[in-house]
């Protein structure tokens, strides 16, 4: 499990004036995810998942999607 800030914090991380601070934080998260080498990448925040997708080759899922798959519930009903 990786617990690390994504550097987004709402719209703060998307503002150009905050990029110098935000991007290194997101890169740290991406590096930790790559190092963890898990089968699934999940995050409960859509904005954080955007940072994860940008920093890794992963497509993050929401934890409820992961749980639904574990119970055999199809993503499209």
Protein backbone atom coordinates (compact mmCIF):
# COMPACT_ATOMS: atom_id res chain seq x y z
CA UNK A 1 0.00 0.00 0.00
CA UNK A 2 1.22 3.46 -0.91
CA UNK A 3 -0.01 6.44 1.04
CA UNK A 4 1.44 9.61 -0.42
CA UNK A 5 0.07 13.00 -1.37
CA UNK A 6 -0.64 13.43 -5.08
CA UNK A 7 0.26 17.12 -5.08
CA UNK A 8 -3.16 18.14 -6.38
CA UNK A 9 -5.18 19.38 -3.37
CA UNK A 10 -8.19 20.47 -5.38
CA UNK A 11 -7.57 23.10 -8.02
CA UNK A 12 -4.39 24.23 -6.23
CA UNK A 13 -2.29 21.63 -8.02
CA UNK A 14 -3.63 22.59 -11.43
CA UNK A 15 -2.63 26.25 -11.16
CA UNK A 16 0.49 27.15 -13.13
CA UNK A 17 1.98 29.08 -10.22
CA UNK A 18 1.94 25.91 -8.08
CA UNK A 19 3.41 23.55 -10.68
CA UNK A 20 6.94 23.83 -9.27
CA UNK A 21 5.71 22.43 -5.94
CA UNK A 22 2.96 20.11 -7.21
CA UNK A 23 4.81 18.11 -9.89
CA UNK A 24 7.65 16.82 -7.64
CA UNK A 25 5.06 15.61 -5.13
CA UNK A 26 3.15 13.78 -7.86
CA UNK A 27 6.40 12.30 -9.20
CA UNK A 28 7.21 10.95 -5.74
CA UNK A 29 3.80 9.27 -5.64
CA UNK A 30 4.36 7.82 -9.11
CA UNK A 31 7.76 6.44 -8.12
CA UNK A 32 6.31 4.84 -5.00
CA UNK A 33 3.53 3.20 -7.02
CA UNK A 34 6.00 1.86 -9.58
CA UNK A 35 8.26 0.55 -6.80
CA UNK A 36 5.32 -1.18 -5.07
CA UNK A 37 4.72 -3.13 -8.32
CA UNK A 38 1.14 -4.02 -7.37
CA UNK A 39 -1.41 -5.72 -9.57
CA UNK A 40 -3.98 -2.96 -9.04
CA UNK A 41 -3.69 0.78 -8.58
CA UNK A 42 -6.66 2.36 -6.82
CA UNK A 43 -7.38 5.78 -5.42
CA UNK A 44 -10.56 7.29 -4.06
CA UNK A 45 -9.94 10.79 -5.43
CA UNK A 46 -10.50 11.48 -9.13
CA UNK A 47 -8.01 14.35 -9.09
CA UNK A 48 -5.34 12.22 -7.41
CA UNK A 49 -6.03 9.45 -9.92
CA UNK A 50 -5.32 11.97 -12.68
CA UNK A 51 -1.89 12.59 -11.19
CA UNK A 52 -1.31 8.84 -10.85
CA UNK A 53 -2.22 8.27 -14.50
CA UNK A 54 0.12 11.07 -15.59
CA UNK A 55 3.06 9.79 -13.52
CA UNK A 56 2.72 6.04 -14.17
CA UNK A 57 1.60 3.67 -16.89
CA UNK A 58 -1.33 2.69 -14.67
CA UNK A 59 -5.02 3.39 -15.06
CA UNK A 60 -6.19 3.77 -11.48
CA UNK A 61 -9.53 2.38 -10.35
CA UNK A 62 -11.78 3.59 -7.58
CA UNK A 63 -11.72 1.25 -4.55
CA UNK A 64 -15.42 0.48 -5.07
CA UNK A 65 -14.64 -0.72 -8.60
CA UNK A 66 -12.01 -3.09 -7.16
CA UNK A 67 -14.45 -4.37 -4.55
CA UNK A 68 -17.18 -4.90 -7.17
CA UNK A 69 -14.78 -6.91 -9.33
CA UNK A 70 -13.85 -9.06 -6.31
CA UNK A 71 -17.54 -9.91 -5.90
CA UNK A 72 -17.94 -10.63 -9.60
CA UNK A 73 -20.13 -7.60 -10.27
CA UNK A 74 -19.62 -6.45 -13.87
CA UNK A 75 -18.57 -2.84 -14.40
CA UNK A 76 -21.39 -2.27 -16.87
CA UNK A 77 -24.82 -3.40 -15.77
